Each structure stands twice: as C-alpha cells, then as structure tokens.
Amino acid sequence: MIEVLYTAKDRQDELAVNIARNRPEIERAVKKACKVLNKLTPDGALYASGWVLTDLIVSLMPEEESARELFRIMQRQIEGELKTAYAYADAEPGADAPTSH
C-alpha cells in the first residue's frame, strides 16, 4: 500500500518537507494537467478535474472511509488555496493569482 502523509496528523512536518523538495516536479505536473484541461470547455474542465481527483484518491486509499477523509483534507486545502489566490489578486490589482503554493 502507498503511504499517504496527508492523513497522518503526526507527520505533517514530513509532508511539508516532501512537498517543498518535490515542488518543481509538482509545478510541472500541475501546468501539464491544466494545459490539457484548458482545452475543454470550462464545465468540461471542472467536471474532468473532479473525476481526476476522485480517481487519484481511489487509487491511493484502500477503504472508502479513508478515501472520504482524504477528500475532506483536500477540500480544506482547496479552500485555503482559493483564499490565498483571491487575497493575492486583491493585493496586486491586474496581477494573475499564483496557480500553486
């Protein structure tokens, strides 16, 4: 089984280090995914991104309850990213909000 640190409350420091270390690769993957999704209609892109996230979670989590917990964690992350993106846009009029943090 693949270890998912997102759900390990006592290992969040390790998660942060891993994300920071892999940041360039993560950003490249996000840009590639967005490039593909942006070829769709806006509704199609939103639907597809939800489908991608669902497939990813199912592939990582062996049980439905653990998958639901990971989804709740991801929802909180997305909410935080939205707050950051809109705060950035408000602070820098005319600037594009960052796509990843």
N, C-alpha and C. Protein backbone atom coordinates (compact mmCIF):
# COMPACT_ATOMS: atom_id res chain seq x y z
N MET A 1 0.84 -1.19 0.00
CA MET A 1 0.00 0.00 0.00
C MET A 1 0.88 1.25 0.00
N ILE A 2 0.47 2.23 -0.72
CA ILE A 2 1.18 3.52 -0.79
C ILE A 2 0.86 4.31 0.46
N GLU A 3 1.90 4.90 1.05
CA GLU A 3 1.70 5.73 2.24
C GLU A 3 1.29 7.14 1.83
N VAL A 4 0.22 7.65 2.44
CA VAL A 4 -0.27 8.99 2.16
C VAL A 4 -0.13 9.81 3.44
N LEU A 5 0.83 10.73 3.45
CA LEU A 5 1.10 11.52 4.64
C LEU A 5 0.02 12.55 4.93
N TYR A 6 -0.80 12.88 3.93
CA TYR A 6 -1.87 13.86 4.13
C TYR A 6 -2.76 13.45 5.29
N THR A 7 -2.95 12.15 5.48
CA THR A 7 -3.86 11.68 6.52
C THR A 7 -3.16 11.38 7.84
N ALA A 8 -1.86 11.53 7.91
CA ALA A 8 -1.10 11.25 9.14
C ALA A 8 -0.88 12.56 9.90
N LYS A 9 -1.74 12.84 10.85
CA LYS A 9 -1.69 14.11 11.57
C LYS A 9 -0.35 14.35 12.26
N ASP A 10 0.29 13.29 12.71
CA ASP A 10 1.56 13.44 13.42
C ASP A 10 2.77 13.53 12.48
N ARG A 11 2.53 13.55 11.17
CA ARG A 11 3.64 13.59 10.21
C ARG A 11 3.52 14.74 9.23
N GLN A 12 2.83 15.82 9.62
CA GLN A 12 2.62 16.95 8.73
C GLN A 12 3.92 17.69 8.41
N ASP A 13 4.86 17.70 9.35
CA ASP A 13 6.16 18.33 9.06
C ASP A 13 6.88 17.58 7.95
N GLU A 14 6.83 16.26 8.00
CA GLU A 14 7.45 15.43 6.96
C GLU A 14 6.77 15.67 5.61
N LEU A 15 5.44 15.79 5.64
CA LEU A 15 4.69 16.08 4.41
C LEU A 15 5.15 17.40 3.81
N ALA A 16 5.28 18.43 4.66
CA ALA A 16 5.69 19.76 4.18
C ALA A 16 7.09 19.71 3.55
N VAL A 17 8.00 18.96 4.16
CA VAL A 17 9.36 18.82 3.62
C VAL A 17 9.32 18.11 2.27
N ASN A 18 8.53 17.02 2.18
CA ASN A 18 8.43 16.29 0.92
C ASN A 18 7.86 17.16 -0.20
N ILE A 19 6.84 17.93 0.12
CA ILE A 19 6.24 18.81 -0.89
C ILE A 19 7.23 19.87 -1.33
N ALA A 20 7.92 20.47 -0.37
CA ALA A 20 8.92 21.50 -0.71
C ALA A 20 10.03 20.92 -1.58
N ARG A 21 10.47 19.73 -1.26
CA ARG A 21 11.55 19.09 -2.02
C ARG A 21 11.11 18.77 -3.45
N ASN A 22 9.86 18.37 -3.60
CA ASN A 22 9.35 17.97 -4.91
C ASN A 22 8.60 19.08 -5.63
N ARG A 23 8.66 20.28 -5.11
CA ARG A 23 7.89 21.41 -5.66
C ARG A 23 8.08 21.62 -7.16
N PRO A 24 9.31 21.64 -7.68
CA PRO A 24 9.46 21.86 -9.13
C PRO A 24 8.73 20.80 -9.97
N GLU A 25 8.83 19.55 -9.55
CA GLU A 25 8.15 18.47 -10.28
C GLU A 25 6.63 18.60 -10.14
N ILE A 26 6.17 18.97 -8.96
CA ILE A 26 4.73 19.17 -8.73
C ILE A 26 4.22 20.29 -9.63
N GLU A 27 4.94 21.41 -9.69
CA GLU A 27 4.51 22.54 -10.52
C GLU A 27 4.46 22.16 -12.00
N ARG A 28 5.44 21.39 -12.47
CA ARG A 28 5.42 20.94 -13.88
C ARG A 28 4.20 20.07 -14.14
N ALA A 29 3.88 19.16 -13.22
CA ALA A 29 2.73 18.27 -13.41
C ALA A 29 1.43 19.08 -13.42
N VAL A 30 1.32 20.07 -12.54
CA VAL A 30 0.12 20.90 -12.49
C VAL A 30 -0.04 21.68 -13.79
N LYS A 31 1.05 22.26 -14.28
CA LYS A 31 0.97 23.02 -15.54
C LYS A 31 0.56 22.13 -16.70
N LYS A 32 1.09 20.90 -16.75
CA LYS A 32 0.71 19.98 -17.83
C LYS A 32 -0.76 19.60 -17.73
N ALA A 33 -1.22 19.32 -16.51
CA ALA A 33 -2.62 18.95 -16.32
C ALA A 33 -3.54 20.10 -16.70
N CYS A 34 -3.19 21.32 -16.28
CA CYS A 34 -4.01 22.49 -16.62
C CYS A 34 -4.03 22.73 -18.12
N LYS A 35 -2.92 22.52 -18.78
CA LYS A 35 -2.86 22.72 -20.22
C LYS A 35 -3.84 21.77 -20.92
N VAL A 36 -3.90 20.53 -20.47
CA VAL A 36 -4.83 19.56 -21.06
C VAL A 36 -6.28 19.94 -20.72
N LEU A 37 -6.54 20.25 -19.44
CA LEU A 37 -7.90 20.58 -19.03
C LEU A 37 -8.41 21.85 -19.69
N ASN A 38 -7.54 22.82 -19.91
CA ASN A 38 -7.97 24.08 -20.51
C ASN A 38 -8.36 23.95 -21.98
N LYS A 39 -8.11 22.80 -22.58
CA LYS A 39 -8.57 22.56 -23.95
C LYS A 39 -10.04 22.21 -23.98
N LEU A 40 -10.61 21.90 -22.80
CA LEU A 40 -12.02 21.56 -22.70
C LEU A 40 -12.84 22.83 -22.47
N THR A 41 -14.14 22.69 -22.53
CA THR A 41 -15.00 23.81 -22.13
C THR A 41 -14.78 24.03 -20.63
N PRO A 42 -15.13 25.20 -20.10
CA PRO A 42 -14.99 25.40 -18.65
C PRO A 42 -15.73 24.34 -17.82
N ASP A 43 -16.97 24.02 -18.22
CA ASP A 43 -17.72 23.00 -17.49
C ASP A 43 -17.06 21.63 -17.62
N GLY A 44 -16.59 21.33 -18.81
CA GLY A 44 -15.90 20.05 -19.02
C GLY A 44 -14.63 19.95 -18.20
N ALA A 45 -13.89 21.06 -18.12
CA ALA A 45 -12.65 21.07 -17.35
C ALA A 45 -12.92 20.87 -15.86
N LEU A 46 -13.95 21.53 -15.34
CA LEU A 46 -14.29 21.37 -13.93
C LEU A 46 -14.73 19.93 -13.63
N TYR A 47 -15.57 19.40 -14.50
CA TYR A 47 -16.04 18.02 -14.32
C TYR A 47 -14.85 17.05 -14.38
N ALA A 48 -13.98 17.25 -15.35
CA ALA A 48 -12.82 16.36 -15.51
C ALA A 48 -11.87 16.46 -14.32
N SER A 49 -11.67 17.66 -13.77
CA SER A 49 -10.75 17.80 -12.64
C SER A 49 -11.29 17.06 -11.42
N GLY A 50 -12.61 17.09 -11.21
CA GLY A 50 -13.20 16.32 -10.13
C GLY A 50 -13.03 14.83 -10.33
N TRP A 51 -13.16 14.41 -11.56
CA TRP A 51 -13.00 13.00 -11.91
C TRP A 51 -11.55 12.56 -11.67
N VAL A 52 -10.61 13.40 -12.07
CA VAL A 52 -9.19 13.09 -11.86
C VAL A 52 -8.89 12.96 -10.36
N LEU A 53 -9.37 13.91 -9.56
CA LEU A 53 -9.14 13.86 -8.12
C LEU A 53 -9.76 12.60 -7.52
N THR A 54 -10.96 12.26 -7.93
CA THR A 54 -11.62 11.06 -7.43
C THR A 54 -10.83 9.81 -7.79
N ASP A 55 -10.43 9.68 -9.04
CA ASP A 55 -9.65 8.51 -9.46
C ASP A 55 -8.33 8.42 -8.69
N LEU A 56 -7.69 9.55 -8.46
CA LEU A 56 -6.43 9.56 -7.72
C LEU A 56 -6.65 9.09 -6.28
N ILE A 57 -7.66 9.63 -5.62
CA ILE A 57 -7.93 9.23 -4.24
C ILE A 57 -8.27 7.74 -4.15
N VAL A 58 -9.10 7.25 -5.05
CA VAL A 58 -9.46 5.83 -5.04
C VAL A 58 -8.23 4.96 -5.26
N SER A 59 -7.30 5.42 -6.10
CA SER A 59 -6.10 4.62 -6.36
C SER A 59 -5.15 4.60 -5.16
N LEU A 60 -5.26 5.60 -4.28
CA LEU A 60 -4.36 5.69 -3.13
C LEU A 60 -4.92 5.09 -1.86
N MET A 61 -6.23 5.09 -1.72
CA MET A 61 -6.85 4.70 -0.46
C MET A 61 -7.61 3.38 -0.62
N PRO A 62 -7.28 2.39 0.19
CA PRO A 62 -7.89 1.07 0.03
C PRO A 62 -9.33 0.97 0.52
N GLU A 63 -9.73 1.86 1.42
CA GLU A 63 -11.06 1.78 2.01
C GLU A 63 -11.82 3.09 1.79
N GLU A 64 -13.13 2.98 1.66
CA GLU A 64 -13.94 4.15 1.38
C GLU A 64 -13.84 5.20 2.47
N GLU A 65 -13.83 4.80 3.74
CA GLU A 65 -13.78 5.79 4.82
C GLU A 65 -12.47 6.58 4.78
N SER A 66 -11.36 5.91 4.53
CA SER A 66 -10.08 6.62 4.43
C SER A 66 -10.06 7.52 3.20
N ALA A 67 -10.72 7.09 2.14
CA ALA A 67 -10.82 7.92 0.93
C ALA A 67 -11.64 9.18 1.22
N ARG A 68 -12.71 9.02 1.97
CA ARG A 68 -13.54 10.19 2.32
C ARG A 68 -12.77 11.16 3.21
N GLU A 69 -11.97 10.63 4.14
CA GLU A 69 -11.16 11.50 5.00
C GLU A 69 -10.14 12.27 4.16
N LEU A 70 -9.48 11.59 3.22
CA LEU A 70 -8.53 12.27 2.35
C LEU A 70 -9.25 13.35 1.52
N PHE A 71 -10.44 13.06 1.04
CA PHE A 71 -11.20 14.04 0.28
C PHE A 71 -11.50 15.27 1.14
N ARG A 72 -11.88 15.07 2.40
CA ARG A 72 -12.15 16.21 3.30
C ARG A 72 -10.89 17.05 3.49
N ILE A 73 -9.75 16.38 3.63
CA ILE A 73 -8.47 17.10 3.76
C ILE A 73 -8.20 17.91 2.50
N MET A 74 -8.44 17.31 1.34
CA MET A 74 -8.22 18.00 0.07
C MET A 74 -9.17 19.20 -0.08
N GLN A 75 -10.41 19.06 0.38
CA GLN A 75 -11.35 20.18 0.33
C GLN A 75 -10.81 21.36 1.12
N ARG A 76 -10.27 21.10 2.32
CA ARG A 76 -9.72 22.18 3.14
C ARG A 76 -8.51 22.81 2.43
N GLN A 77 -7.70 21.99 1.77
CA GLN A 77 -6.55 22.54 1.05
C GLN A 77 -7.03 23.44 -0.09
N ILE A 78 -8.03 23.01 -0.82
CA ILE A 78 -8.56 23.81 -1.93
C ILE A 78 -9.13 25.12 -1.41
N GLU A 79 -9.85 25.07 -0.29
CA GLU A 79 -10.39 26.30 0.30
C GLU A 79 -9.27 27.26 0.66
N GLY A 80 -8.18 26.73 1.22
CA GLY A 80 -7.04 27.57 1.56
C GLY A 80 -6.38 28.16 0.33
N GLU A 81 -6.25 27.36 -0.72
CA GLU A 81 -5.66 27.84 -1.97
C GLU A 81 -6.51 28.95 -2.58
N LEU A 82 -7.84 28.81 -2.50
CA LEU A 82 -8.73 29.85 -3.03
C LEU A 82 -8.56 31.15 -2.25
N LYS A 83 -8.51 31.05 -0.93
CA LYS A 83 -8.31 32.26 -0.11
C LYS A 83 -7.01 32.94 -0.48
N THR A 84 -5.95 32.15 -0.64
CA THR A 84 -4.64 32.70 -1.00
C THR A 84 -4.69 33.36 -2.37
N ALA A 85 -5.29 32.68 -3.34
CA ALA A 85 -5.35 33.21 -4.70
C ALA A 85 -6.12 34.52 -4.76
N TYR A 86 -7.25 34.59 -4.07
CA TYR A 86 -8.04 35.82 -4.11
C TYR A 86 -7.42 36.93 -3.29
N ALA A 87 -6.75 36.59 -2.20
CA ALA A 87 -6.04 37.60 -1.42
C ALA A 87 -4.90 38.18 -2.25
N TYR A 88 -4.21 37.34 -3.00
CA TYR A 88 -3.12 37.77 -3.87
C TYR A 88 -3.66 38.70 -4.95
N ALA A 89 -4.78 38.31 -5.54
CA ALA A 89 -5.38 39.13 -6.61
C ALA A 89 -5.83 40.48 -6.07
N ASP A 90 -6.35 40.50 -4.84
CA ASP A 90 -6.78 41.77 -4.24
C ASP A 90 -5.59 42.67 -3.90
N ALA A 91 -4.48 42.06 -3.51
CA ALA A 91 -3.29 42.82 -3.13
C ALA A 91 -2.55 43.37 -4.34
N GLU A 92 -2.64 42.68 -5.46
CA GLU A 92 -1.92 43.06 -6.68
C GLU A 92 -2.92 43.23 -7.82
N PRO A 93 -3.60 44.37 -7.91
CA PRO A 93 -4.57 44.57 -8.98
C PRO A 93 -3.94 44.34 -10.36
N GLY A 94 -4.64 43.55 -11.16
CA GLY A 94 -4.16 43.27 -12.52
C GLY A 94 -3.18 42.12 -12.59
N ALA A 95 -2.73 41.63 -11.46
CA ALA A 95 -1.78 40.51 -11.46
C ALA A 95 -2.53 39.19 -11.48
N ASP A 96 -1.95 38.21 -12.13
CA ASP A 96 -2.50 36.88 -12.12
C ASP A 96 -2.24 36.23 -10.78
N ALA A 97 -3.24 35.58 -10.23
CA ALA A 97 -3.05 34.87 -8.96
C ALA A 97 -2.15 33.67 -9.19
N PRO A 98 -1.36 33.31 -8.21
CA PRO A 98 -0.50 32.14 -8.36
C PRO A 98 -1.36 30.90 -8.52
N THR A 99 -0.87 29.92 -9.29
CA THR A 99 -1.64 28.71 -9.53
C THR A 99 -1.31 27.61 -8.55
N SER A 100 -0.22 27.72 -7.81
CA SER A 100 0.12 26.71 -6.82
C SER A 100 0.96 27.33 -5.74
N HIS A 101 0.89 26.75 -4.56
CA HIS A 101 1.60 27.29 -3.41
C HIS A 101 2.41 26.24 -2.72
